[in-house]
Amino acid sequence: MNNRLFFILNPVAGNGRAIKLWPEIAAGLKAKGISFDFAKTGHKGHAMAIAKEVAHKGYKCFISVGGDGTFHEMINGLMSANLARPPRVFILPVGTGNDFVREHRIPQWGAAWLQMLLNFQTKSHNVGQLDYYSGAQKLNRYFVNVAGLFYDGYIVRATTVQKKSVSSSFQYLLLILKYLFRYRPPTGRIRWPEGELHGAFYTANIGICRYSGGGMRFVPHAHPFGKQFAVTVARKMHPIRVLLSTPYFYNGKVAQHAKISCFETNQLSIEPLGDEEILVEADGEFLGQAPCTFSLIRDGFLLVSS
């Protein structure tokens, strides 16, 4: 292993803030005597390709400069490279989505972030492996934060089609309000080794970390260094009841809701029981639809952390 760091920079992250800040970041790294290389992404999925290409080149640490989406792609590239050892990774948050950063209390660019990097304390972090479909094609994706199905997938697909970013829980709440009365919850079956649920569901979240949707807590029982996924499943509710339930999505008390079930498992499958699609997203990225399976990978990477 060499002592150099590799940065993957998403120039459009934070509405262009990442590329504007990069000269200052590079100068700050050099001032601390930190050796590094970097590459800029040019399109969606590019961070994944870059990470896979450089994964075996012996870098000390791989660092994404952007938001949750850039980090998600970088991890997917590294995981798909089949490394002999878990990679060391970090994130410099300058994007619109920073739920992963919120979980780990990673500061934005500045003295505190640099000090965390220089201290270089790492923790083994879990990764989720998700098999799903895009049309008739079966695909695979890794995720590090939260995967969502049913209404979550529906919302993320809508924002993807409209090319809108969601940077706060307030914006996510506005989207819920916008599409809620149009949505018709599909029926499905949710299975895990210890149990099964079937029926019409409003949402299902599979969490490694606690936060999603700009700070909402659908899986407050998640632990990124634990032994299992945290799962929250909400059964079909009238839209008015969904609106009245909004405080539960923020205050960490979703398990107290009569229509919501919370449990933990390291394996899960979700399949449709009717003709309606069950849409799936992971780390805020729209993927496709069920049937899908989830498997937990313990200690998938080493995260620079406090």
C-alpha atoms as a PDB file:
ATOM      1  CA  MET A   1       0.000   0.000   0.000  1.00  0.00           C
ATOM      2  CA  ASN A   2       1.288   3.472  -0.865  1.00  0.00           C
ATOM      3  CA  ASN A   3       0.634   6.499   1.308  1.00  0.00           C
ATOM      4  CA  ARG A   4      -1.346   8.442  -1.254  1.00  0.00           C
ATOM      5  CA  LEU A   5      -5.041   9.225  -1.076  1.00  0.00           C
ATOM      6  CA  PHE A   6      -7.403   9.063  -4.016  1.00  0.00           C
ATOM      7  CA  PHE A   7     -10.231  11.596  -4.310  1.00  0.00           C
ATOM      8  CA  ILE A   8     -13.258  11.134  -6.556  1.00  0.00           C
ATOM      9  CA  LEU A   9     -14.693  14.588  -7.194  1.00  0.00           C
ATOM     10  CA  ASN A  10     -18.244  15.135  -8.406  1.00  0.00           C
ATOM     11  CA  PRO A  11     -17.964  18.646  -9.929  1.00  0.00           C
ATOM     12  CA  VAL A  12     -21.725  19.266  -9.978  1.00  0.00           C
ATOM     13  CA  ALA A  13     -22.283  18.229  -6.349  1.00  0.00           C
ATOM     14  CA  GLY A  14     -23.834  20.905  -4.162  1.00  0.00           C
ATOM     15  CA  ASN A  15     -25.056  22.723  -7.279  1.00  0.00           C
ATOM     16  CA  GLY A  16     -21.468  23.266  -8.399  1.00  0.00           C
ATOM     17  CA  ARG A  17     -20.023  24.010  -4.962  1.00  0.00           C
ATOM     18  CA  ALA A  18     -17.697  20.990  -5.111  1.00  0.00           C
ATOM     19  CA  ILE A  19     -15.734  22.179  -8.145  1.00  0.00           C
ATOM     20  CA  LYS A  20     -15.552  25.752  -6.824  1.00  0.00           C
ATOM     21  CA  LEU A  21     -14.190  24.503  -3.508  1.00  0.00           C
ATOM     22  CA  TRP A  22     -11.695  22.046  -4.959  1.00  0.00           C
ATOM     23  CA  PRO A  23      -8.732  24.475  -5.388  1.00  0.00           C
ATOM     24  CA  GLU A  24      -9.033  25.385  -1.702  1.00  0.00           C
ATOM     25  CA  ILE A  25      -9.274  21.720  -0.738  1.00  0.00           C
ATOM     26  CA  ALA A  26      -6.231  20.773  -2.819  1.00  0.00           C
ATOM     27  CA  ALA A  27      -4.202  23.637  -1.358  1.00  0.00           C
ATOM     28  CA  GLY A  28      -5.208  22.654   2.177  1.00  0.00           C
ATOM     29  CA  LEU A  29      -4.163  19.042   1.616  1.00  0.00           C
ATOM     30  CA  LYS A  30      -0.798  20.065   0.201  1.00  0.00           C
ATOM     31  CA  ALA A  31      -0.210  22.425   3.119  1.00  0.00           C
ATOM     32  CA  LYS A  32      -0.554  19.447   5.463  1.00  0.00           C
ATOM     33  CA  GLY A  33       1.870  17.391   3.385  1.00  0.00           C
ATOM     34  CA  ILE A  34      -0.850  14.991   2.206  1.00  0.00           C
ATOM     35  CA  SER A  35      -0.072  13.201  -1.054  1.00  0.00           C
ATOM     36  CA  PHE A  36      -3.050  12.537  -3.286  1.00  0.00           C
ATOM     37  CA  ASP A  37      -4.408  11.905  -6.739  1.00  0.00           C
ATOM     38  CA  PHE A  38      -7.907  12.708  -7.957  1.00  0.00           C
ATOM     39  CA  ALA A  39     -10.371  12.251 -10.770  1.00  0.00           C
ATOM     40  CA  LYS A  40     -13.501  14.181 -11.733  1.00  0.00           C
ATOM     41  CA  THR A  41     -16.728  12.448 -12.618  1.00  0.00           C
ATOM     42  CA  GLY A  42     -18.389  13.313 -15.904  1.00  0.00           C
ATOM     43  CA  HIS A  43     -21.729  11.537 -15.753  1.00  0.00           C
ATOM     44  CA  LYS A  44     -23.982   9.374 -13.589  1.00  0.00           C
ATOM     45  CA  GLY A  45     -22.260   6.119 -12.725  1.00  0.00           C
ATOM     46  CA  HIS A  46     -18.792   7.499 -13.474  1.00  0.00           C
ATOM     47  CA  ALA A  47     -17.673   7.459  -9.817  1.00  0.00           C
ATOM     48  CA  MET A  48     -18.431   3.739  -9.788  1.00  0.00           C
ATOM     49  CA  ALA A  49     -16.261   3.122 -12.844  1.00  0.00           C
ATOM     50  CA  ILE A  50     -13.394   5.281 -11.525  1.00  0.00           C
ATOM     51  CA  ALA A  51     -13.402   3.548  -8.126  1.00  0.00           C
ATOM     52  CA  LYS A  52     -13.338   0.087  -9.699  1.00  0.00           C
ATOM     53  CA  GLU A  53     -10.457   1.103 -11.979  1.00  0.00           C
ATOM     54  CA  VAL A  54      -8.228   2.434  -9.167  1.00  0.00           C
ATOM     55  CA  ALA A  55      -9.301  -0.032  -6.449  1.00  0.00           C
ATOM     56  CA  HIS A  56      -6.245  -2.290  -6.880  1.00  0.00           C
ATOM     57  CA  LYS A  57      -3.649   0.489  -7.162  1.00  0.00           C
ATOM     58  CA  GLY A  58      -2.723   0.436  -3.477  1.00  0.00           C
ATOM     59  CA  TYR A  59      -4.084   3.779  -2.299  1.00  0.00           C
ATOM     60  CA  LYS A  60      -4.223   4.312   1.450  1.00  0.00           C
ATOM     61  CA  CYS A  61      -7.776   5.674   1.337  1.00  0.00           C
ATOM     62  CA  PHE A  62     -10.499   6.488  -1.194  1.00  0.00           C
ATOM     63  CA  ILE A  63     -12.429   9.716  -0.592  1.00  0.00           C
ATOM     64  CA  SER A  64     -15.539  10.949  -2.360  1.00  0.00           C
ATOM     65  CA  VAL A  65     -16.123  14.687  -2.724  1.00  0.00           C
ATOM     66  CA  GLY A  66     -19.855  15.168  -3.090  1.00  0.00           C
ATOM     67  CA  GLY A  67     -23.011  13.904  -1.436  1.00  0.00           C
ATOM     68  CA  ASP A  68     -24.601  10.572  -0.612  1.00  0.00           C
ATOM     69  CA  GLY A  69     -24.913   9.657  -4.293  1.00  0.00           C
ATOM     70  CA  THR A  70     -21.195  10.072  -5.047  1.00  0.00           C
ATOM     71  CA  PHE A  71     -20.236   8.053  -1.972  1.00  0.00           C
ATOM     72  CA  HIS A  72     -22.764   5.367  -2.933  1.00  0.00           C
ATOM     73  CA  GLU A  73     -21.215   5.049  -6.375  1.00  0.00           C
ATOM     74  CA  MET A  74     -17.661   4.982  -5.018  1.00  0.00           C
ATOM     75  CA  ILE A  75     -18.501   2.165  -2.591  1.00  0.00           C
ATOM     76  CA  ASN A  76     -20.181   0.190  -5.383  1.00  0.00           C
ATOM     77  CA  GLY A  77     -17.084   0.504  -7.535  1.00  0.00           C
ATOM     78  CA  LEU A  78     -14.793  -0.622  -4.723  1.00  0.00           C
ATOM     79  CA  MET A  79     -17.040  -3.513  -3.655  1.00  0.00           C
ATOM     80  CA  SER A  80     -17.371  -4.778  -7.226  1.00  0.00           C
ATOM     81  CA  ALA A  81     -13.558  -4.833  -7.532  1.00  0.00           C
ATOM     82  CA  ASN A  82     -13.410  -7.872  -5.192  1.00  0.00           C
ATOM     83  CA  LEU A  83     -10.559  -6.543  -3.070  1.00  0.00           C
ATOM     84  CA  ALA A  84      -8.696  -8.941  -0.801  1.00  0.00           C
ATOM     85  CA  ARG A  85      -9.190  -6.558   2.150  1.00  0.00           C
ATOM     86  CA  PRO A  86     -11.907  -4.043   3.015  1.00  0.00           C
ATOM     87  CA  PRO A  87     -11.009  -0.642   1.515  1.00  0.00           C
ATOM     88  CA  ARG A  88     -10.425   2.415   3.672  1.00  0.00           C
ATOM     89  CA  VAL A  89     -12.845   5.171   2.710  1.00  0.00           C
ATOM     90  CA  PHE A  90     -13.912   8.671   3.713  1.00  0.00           C
ATOM     91  CA  ILE A  91     -16.248  11.374   2.452  1.00  0.00           C
ATOM     92  CA  LEU A  92     -15.885  15.122   2.059  1.00  0.00           C
ATOM     93  CA  PRO A  93     -19.519  16.275   2.166  1.00  0.00           C
ATOM     94  CA  VAL A  94     -20.377  19.035  -0.290  1.00  0.00           C
ATOM     95  CA  GLY A  95     -23.472  17.554  -1.931  1.00  0.00           C
ATOM     96  CA  THR A  96     -27.187  18.094  -1.462  1.00  0.00           C
ATOM     97  CA  GLY A  97     -27.796  14.726   0.208  1.00  0.00           C
ATOM     98  CA  ASN A  98     -25.842  14.157   3.429  1.00  0.00           C
ATOM     99  CA  ASP A  99     -27.752  11.558   5.454  1.00  0.00           C
ATOM    100  CA  PHE A 100     -24.723   9.257   5.723  1.00  0.00           C
ATOM    101  CA  VAL A 101     -22.670  12.191   6.992  1.00  0.00           C
ATOM    102  CA  ARG A 102     -25.345  13.013   9.569  1.00  0.00           C
ATOM    103  CA  GLU A 103     -25.119   9.485  10.990  1.00  0.00           C
ATOM    104  CA  HIS A 104     -21.347   9.664  11.414  1.00  0.00           C
ATOM    105  CA  ARG A 105     -21.062  13.359  12.303  1.00  0.00           C
ATOM    106  CA  ILE A 106     -18.527  14.026   9.577  1.00  0.00           C
ATOM    107  CA  PRO A 107     -17.835  17.776   9.310  1.00  0.00           C
ATOM    108  CA  GLN A 108     -17.744  19.772   6.106  1.00  0.00           C
ATOM    109  CA  TRP A 109     -14.489  21.016   4.624  1.00  0.00           C
ATOM    110  CA  GLY A 110     -12.304  22.829   7.154  1.00  0.00           C
ATOM    111  CA  ALA A 111      -9.920  22.277  10.047  1.00  0.00           C
ATOM    112  CA  ALA A 112     -12.145  19.707  11.784  1.00  0.00           C
ATOM    113  CA  TRP A 113     -12.454  17.575   8.647  1.00  0.00           C
ATOM    114  CA  LEU A 114      -8.703  17.727   8.007  1.00  0.00           C
ATOM    115  CA  GLN A 115      -7.971  16.721  11.592  1.00  0.00           C
ATOM    116  CA  MET A 116     -10.291  13.734  11.325  1.00  0.00           C
ATOM    117  CA  LEU A 117      -8.449  12.671   8.177  1.00  0.00           C
ATOM    118  CA  LEU A 118      -5.017  13.148   9.789  1.00  0.00           C
ATOM    119  CA  ASN A 119      -6.038  11.175  12.888  1.00  0.00           C
ATOM    120  CA  PHE A 120      -7.068   8.371  10.527  1.00  0.00           C
ATOM    121  CA  GLN A 121      -9.074   6.345  13.026  1.00  0.00           C
ATOM    122  CA  THR A 122     -11.177   3.760  11.190  1.00  0.00           C
ATOM    123  CA  LYS A 123     -14.186   1.598  12.032  1.00  0.00           C
ATOM    124  CA  SER A 124     -15.484  -1.463  10.192  1.00  0.00           C
ATOM    125  CA  HIS A 125     -18.758  -0.531   8.518  1.00  0.00           C
ATOM    126  CA  ASN A 126     -21.485  -2.828   7.224  1.00  0.00           C
ATOM    127  CA  VAL A 127     -22.697  -2.896   3.626  1.00  0.00           C
ATOM    128  CA  GLY A 128     -26.012  -4.064   2.212  1.00  0.00           C
ATOM    129  CA  GLN A 129     -26.151  -6.186  -0.922  1.00  0.00           C
ATOM    130  CA  LEU A 130     -29.336  -5.852  -2.959  1.00  0.00           C
ATOM    131  CA  ASP A 131     -30.496  -7.987  -5.884  1.00  0.00           C
ATOM    132  CA  TYR A 132     -33.347  -6.433  -7.871  1.00  0.00           C
ATOM    133  CA  TYR A 133     -34.787  -6.120 -11.364  1.00  0.00           C
ATOM    134  CA  SER A 134     -34.730  -3.384 -13.959  1.00  0.00           C
ATOM    135  CA  GLY A 135     -37.320  -4.531 -16.444  1.00  0.00           C
ATOM    136  CA  ALA A 136     -36.510  -8.188 -17.122  1.00  0.00           C
ATOM    137  CA  GLN A 137     -32.849  -7.836 -16.160  1.00  0.00           C
ATOM    138  CA  LYS A 138     -31.668  -8.976 -12.732  1.00  0.00           C
ATOM    139  CA  LEU A 139     -29.087  -6.598 -11.264  1.00  0.00           C
ATOM    140  CA  ASN A 140     -27.008  -6.164  -8.122  1.00  0.00           C
ATOM    141  CA  ARG A 141     -26.205  -3.080  -6.055  1.00  0.00           C
ATOM    142  CA  TYR A 142     -24.510  -2.321  -2.733  1.00  0.00           C
ATOM    143  CA  PHE A 143     -25.771   0.305  -0.290  1.00  0.00           C
ATOM    144  CA  VAL A 144     -24.350   1.880   2.864  1.00  0.00           C
ATOM    145  CA  ASN A 145     -27.243   3.825   4.359  1.00  0.00           C
ATOM    146  CA  VAL A 146     -30.928   2.981   3.748  1.00  0.00           C
ATOM    147  CA  ALA A 147     -32.836   1.203   0.996  1.00  0.00           C
ATOM    148  CA  GLY A 148     -36.526   1.987   0.537  1.00  0.00           C
ATOM    149  CA  LEU A 149     -39.407   0.324  -1.290  1.00  0.00           C
ATOM    150  CA  PHE A 150     -43.050   1.034  -2.098  1.00  0.00           C
ATOM    151  CA  TYR A 151     -43.663   4.785  -1.609  1.00  0.00           C
ATOM    152  CA  ASP A 152     -39.964   5.529  -1.068  1.00  0.00           C
ATOM    153  CA  GLY A 153     -39.106   4.016  -4.441  1.00  0.00           C
ATOM    154  CA  TYR A 154     -42.035   5.848  -6.009  1.00  0.00           C
ATOM    155  CA  ILE A 155     -40.841   9.221  -4.675  1.00  0.00           C
ATOM    156  CA  VAL A 156     -37.210   8.716  -5.670  1.00  0.00           C
ATOM    157  CA  ARG A 157     -38.214   7.657  -9.189  1.00  0.00           C
ATOM    158  CA  ALA A 158     -40.336  10.812  -9.480  1.00  0.00           C
ATOM    159  CA  THR A 159     -37.414  13.039  -8.454  1.00  0.00           C
ATOM    160  CA  THR A 160     -35.070  11.151 -10.795  1.00  0.00           C
ATOM    161  CA  VAL A 161     -37.408  11.620 -13.761  1.00  0.00           C
ATOM    162  CA  GLN A 162     -37.788  15.309 -12.946  1.00  0.00           C
ATOM    163  CA  LYS A 163     -34.033  15.642 -12.228  1.00  0.00           C
ATOM    164  CA  LYS A 164     -34.673  17.219  -8.842  1.00  0.00           C
ATOM    165  CA  SER A 165     -32.423  16.812  -5.807  1.00  0.00           C
ATOM    166  CA  VAL A 166     -33.730  16.497  -2.256  1.00  0.00           C
ATOM    167  CA  SER A 167     -31.458  18.220   0.253  1.00  0.00           C
ATOM    168  CA  SER A 168     -33.598  18.451   3.377  1.00  0.00           C
ATOM    169  CA  SER A 169     -36.366  16.736   5.287  1.00  0.00           C
ATOM    170  CA  PHE A 170     -38.612  19.721   4.476  1.00  0.00           C
ATOM    171  CA  GLN A 171     -38.185  19.149   0.738  1.00  0.00           C
ATOM    172  CA  TYR A 172     -38.810  15.433   1.197  1.00  0.00           C
ATOM    173  CA  LEU A 173     -41.967  16.222   3.150  1.00  0.00           C
ATOM    174  CA  LEU A 174     -43.160  18.476   0.322  1.00  0.00           C
ATOM    175  CA  LEU A 175     -42.683  15.593  -2.105  1.00  0.00           C
ATOM    176  CA  ILE A 176     -44.695  13.313   0.174  1.00  0.00           C
ATOM    177  CA  LEU A 177     -47.492  15.877   0.144  1.00  0.00           C
ATOM    178  CA  LYS A 178     -47.293  16.303  -3.632  1.00  0.00           C
ATOM    179  CA  TYR A 179     -47.617  12.640  -4.573  1.00  0.00           C
ATOM    180  CA  LEU A 180     -49.372  11.095  -1.578  1.00  0.00           C
ATOM    181  CA  PHE A 181     -52.942  11.215  -2.888  1.00  0.00           C
ATOM    182  CA  ARG A 182     -51.882   9.818  -6.284  1.00  0.00           C
ATOM    183  CA  TYR A 183     -50.147   6.778  -4.833  1.00  0.00           C
ATOM    184  CA  ARG A 184     -51.839   3.385  -4.660  1.00  0.00           C
ATOM    185  CA  PRO A 185     -49.911   1.023  -2.319  1.00  0.00           C
ATOM    186  CA  PRO A 186     -49.184  -2.292  -4.079  1.00  0.00           C
ATOM    187  CA  THR A 187     -49.526  -5.647  -2.375  1.00  0.00           C
ATOM    188  CA  GLY A 188     -46.445  -7.663  -1.590  1.00  0.00           C
ATOM    189  CA  ARG A 189     -44.837 -10.329   0.556  1.00  0.00           C
ATOM    190  CA  ILE A 190     -41.949  -9.545   2.894  1.00  0.00           C
ATOM    191  CA  ARG A 191     -39.995 -12.537   4.161  1.00  0.00           C
ATOM    192  CA  TRP A 192     -37.089 -12.939   6.546  1.00  0.00           C
ATOM    193  CA  PRO A 193     -35.777 -16.025   8.386  1.00  0.00           C
ATOM    194  CA  GLU A 194     -37.907 -15.362  11.464  1.00  0.00           C
ATOM    195  CA  GLY A 195     -41.148 -14.214   9.896  1.00  0.00           C
ATOM    196  CA  GLU A 196     -43.334 -13.047   7.038  1.00  0.00           C
ATOM    197  CA  LEU A 197     -45.712 -10.168   6.278  1.00  0.00           C
ATOM    198  CA  HIS A 198     -48.039  -9.812   3.312  1.00  0.00           C
ATOM    199  CA  GLY A 199     -50.570  -7.233   2.201  1.00  0.00           C
ATOM    200  CA  ALA A 200     -50.582  -3.660   0.901  1.00  0.00           C
ATOM    201  CA  PHE A 201     -47.722  -1.567   2.262  1.00  0.00           C
ATOM    202  CA  TYR A 202     -47.092   2.149   2.376  1.00  0.00           C
ATOM    203  CA  THR A 203     -43.342   1.793   2.775  1.00  0.00           C
ATOM    204  CA  ALA A 204     -40.520  -0.550   3.741  1.00  0.00           C
ATOM    205  CA  ASN A 205     -37.063   0.623   4.793  1.00  0.00           C
ATOM    206  CA  ILE A 206     -33.967  -1.525   5.238  1.00  0.00           C
ATOM    207  CA  GLY A 207     -31.353   0.390   7.173  1.00  0.00           C
ATOM    208  CA  ILE A 208     -27.674   0.221   7.978  1.00  0.00           C
ATOM    209  CA  CYS A 209     -27.677   3.824   9.210  1.00  0.00           C
ATOM    210  CA  ARG A 210     -30.557   5.765  10.793  1.00  0.00           C
ATOM    211  CA  TYR A 211     -31.200   8.760   8.531  1.00  0.00           C
ATOM    212  CA  SER A 212     -32.728   9.132   5.078  1.00  0.00           C
ATOM    213  CA  GLY A 213     -34.796  11.659   3.147  1.00  0.00           C
ATOM    214  CA  GLY A 214     -32.804  14.616   4.464  1.00  0.00           C
ATOM    215  CA  GLY A 215     -32.869  13.699   8.145  1.00  0.00           C
ATOM    216  CA  MET A 216     -35.947  11.519   8.580  1.00  0.00           C
ATOM    217  CA  ARG A 217     -35.615   8.468  10.858  1.00  0.00           C
ATOM    218  CA  PHE A 218     -37.571   5.555   9.444  1.00  0.00           C
ATOM    219  CA  VAL A 219     -35.047   3.088  10.908  1.00  0.00           C
ATOM    220  CA  PRO A 220     -34.019   4.588  14.268  1.00  0.00           C
ATOM    221  CA  HIS A 221     -32.894   1.136  15.461  1.00  0.00           C
ATOM    222  CA  ALA A 222     -30.185   0.889  12.762  1.00  0.00           C
ATOM    223  CA  HIS A 223     -26.525   0.458  13.690  1.00  0.00           C
ATOM    224  CA  PRO A 224     -23.813   0.669  10.992  1.00  0.00           C
ATOM    225  CA  PHE A 225     -21.416  -1.492  13.028  1.00  0.00           C
ATOM    226  CA  GLY A 226     -24.042  -3.975  14.249  1.00  0.00           C
ATOM    227  CA  LYS A 227     -24.941  -7.525  13.287  1.00  0.00           C
ATOM    228  CA  GLN A 228     -28.218  -6.983  11.394  1.00  0.00           C
ATOM    229  CA  PHE A 229     -30.269  -4.695   9.186  1.00  0.00           C
ATOM    230  CA  ALA A 230     -32.877  -2.529  10.848  1.00  0.00           C
ATOM    231  CA  VAL A 231     -36.203  -2.962   9.043  1.00  0.00           C
ATOM    232  CA  THR A 232     -39.306  -0.771   9.290  1.00  0.00           C
ATOM    233  CA  VAL A 233     -42.496  -1.715   7.472  1.00  0.00           C
ATOM    234  CA  ALA A 234     -45.603   0.496   7.317  1.00  0.00           C
ATOM    235  CA  ARG A 235     -48.886  -1.036   6.200  1.00  0.00           C
ATOM    236  CA  LYS A 236     -51.326   0.732   3.908  1.00  0.00           C
ATOM    237  CA  MET A 237     -52.815   3.855   5.461  1.00  0.00           C
ATOM    238  CA  HIS A 238     -55.239   6.507   4.287  1.00  0.00           C
ATOM    239  CA  PRO A 239     -53.272   9.520   3.025  1.00  0.00           C
ATOM    240  CA  ILE A 240     -54.697  11.690   5.787  1.00  0.00           C
ATOM    241  CA  ARG A 241     -53.394   9.250   8.380  1.00  0.00           C
ATOM    242  CA  VAL A 242     -49.983   9.308   6.725  1.00  0.00           C
ATOM    243  CA  LEU A 243     -49.922  13.085   7.115  1.00  0.00           C
ATOM    244  CA  LEU A 244     -50.984  12.848  10.760  1.00  0.00           C
ATOM    245  CA  SER A 245     -48.212  10.301  11.305  1.00  0.00           C
ATOM    246  CA  THR A 246     -45.473  12.635  10.060  1.00  0.00           C
ATOM    247  CA  PRO A 247     -43.982  13.309  13.535  1.00  0.00           C
ATOM    248  CA  TYR A 248     -43.201   9.592  13.889  1.00  0.00           C
ATOM    249  CA  PHE A 249     -40.931   9.795  10.837  1.00  0.00           C
ATOM    250  CA  TYR A 250     -38.726  12.368  12.556  1.00  0.00           C
ATOM    251  CA  ASN A 251     -38.750  11.638  16.282  1.00  0.00           C
ATOM    252  CA  GLY A 252     -37.399   8.090  16.243  1.00  0.00           C
ATOM    253  CA  LYS A 253     -40.638   6.601  17.617  1.00  0.00           C
ATOM    254  CA  VAL A 254     -41.940   4.832  14.500  1.00  0.00           C
ATOM    255  CA  ALA A 255     -42.166   1.530  16.377  1.00  0.00           C
ATOM    256  CA  GLN A 256     -44.933   3.027  18.542  1.00  0.00           C
ATOM    257  CA  HIS A 257     -47.215   3.534  15.537  1.00  0.00           C
ATOM    258  CA  ALA A 258     -50.054   1.006  15.262  1.00  0.00           C
ATOM    259  CA  LYS A 259     -49.531   0.459  11.509  1.00  0.00           C
ATOM    260  CA  ILE A 260     -45.744   0.156  11.659  1.00  0.00           C
ATOM    261  CA  SER A 261     -43.588  -2.888  12.436  1.00  0.00           C
ATOM    262  CA  CYS A 262     -39.879  -2.756  13.274  1.00  0.00           C
ATOM    263  CA  PHE A 263     -37.502  -5.699  13.449  1.00  0.00           C
ATOM    264  CA  GLU A 264     -33.924  -6.761  12.710  1.00  0.00           C
ATOM    265  CA  THR A 265     -32.569  -9.380  10.341  1.00  0.00           C
ATOM    266  CA  ASN A 266     -29.532 -10.059   8.147  1.00  0.00           C
ATOM    267  CA  GLN A 267     -31.571 -11.355   5.191  1.00  0.00           C
ATOM    268  CA  LEU A 268     -34.809 -10.171   3.607  1.00  0.00           C
ATOM    269  CA  SER A 269     -36.811 -10.663   0.437  1.00  0.00           C
ATOM    270  CA  ILE A 270     -39.697  -8.625  -0.994  1.00  0.00           C
ATOM    271  CA  GLU A 271     -41.888  -9.700  -3.895  1.00  0.00           C
ATOM    272  CA  PRO A 272     -45.069  -8.373  -5.494  1.00  0.00           C
ATOM    273  CA  LEU A 273     -48.313 -10.311  -5.085  1.00  0.00           C
ATOM    274  CA  GLY A 274     -50.262  -8.440  -7.753  1.00  0.00           C
ATOM    275  CA  ASP A 275     -49.686  -6.676 -11.035  1.00  0.00           C
ATOM    276  CA  GLU A 276     -48.524  -3.392  -9.488  1.00  0.00           C
ATOM    277  CA  GLU A 277     -44.800  -2.594  -9.397  1.00  0.00           C
ATOM    278  CA  ILE A 278     -42.956  -2.410  -6.102  1.00  0.00           C
ATOM    279  CA  LEU A 279     -40.263   0.177  -6.759  1.00  0.00           C
ATOM    280  CA  VAL A 280     -36.913   0.187  -4.963  1.00  0.00           C
ATOM    281  CA  GLU A 281     -34.247   2.790  -4.217  1.00  0.00           C
ATOM    282  CA  ALA A 282     -31.024   2.630  -2.225  1.00  0.00           C
ATOM    283  CA  ASP A 283     -29.098   5.529  -0.686  1.00  0.00           C
ATOM    284  CA  GLY A 284     -31.471   7.879  -2.518  1.00  0.00           C
ATOM    285  CA  GLU A 285     -30.696   6.353  -5.942  1.00  0.00           C
ATOM    286  CA  PHE A 286     -33.594   4.901  -7.930  1.00  0.00           C
ATOM    287  CA  LEU A 287     -32.792   1.348  -9.051  1.00  0.00           C
ATOM    288  CA  GLY A 288     -35.800  -0.600 -10.346  1.00  0.00           C
ATOM    289  CA  GLN A 289     -38.365  -2.960  -8.913  1.00  0.00           C
ATOM    290  CA  ALA A 290     -38.993  -6.088  -6.852  1.00  0.00           C
ATOM    291  CA  PRO A 291     -38.697  -9.020  -6.508  1.00  0.00           C
ATOM    292  CA  CYS A 292     -35.555  -8.243  -4.577  1.00  0.00           C
ATOM    293  CA  THR A 293     -33.380  -9.744  -1.874  1.00  0.00           C
ATOM    294  CA  PHE A 294     -31.201  -8.107   0.774  1.00  0.00           C
ATOM    295  CA  SER A 295     -28.097  -9.585   2.402  1.00  0.00           C
ATOM    296  CA  LEU A 296     -25.902  -7.962   5.027  1.00  0.00           C
ATOM    297  CA  ILE A 297     -22.134  -7.866   4.485  1.00  0.00           C
ATOM    298  CA  ARG A 298     -20.439  -7.411   7.845  1.00  0.00           C
ATOM    299  CA  ASP A 299     -17.358  -5.139   7.897  1.00  0.00           C
ATOM    300  CA  GLY A 300     -17.560  -4.319   4.196  1.00  0.00           C
ATOM    301  CA  PHE A 301     -15.250  -1.298   4.409  1.00  0.00           C
ATOM    302  CA  LEU A 302     -13.230   0.726   6.908  1.00  0.00           C
ATOM    303  CA  LEU A 303     -14.646   4.227   7.426  1.00  0.00           C
ATOM    304  CA  VAL A 304     -12.471   7.061   8.673  1.00  0.00           C
ATOM    305  CA  SER A 305     -14.427   8.161  11.724  1.00  0.00           C
ATOM    306  CA  SER A 306     -14.088   9.980  15.039  1.00  0.00           C
END
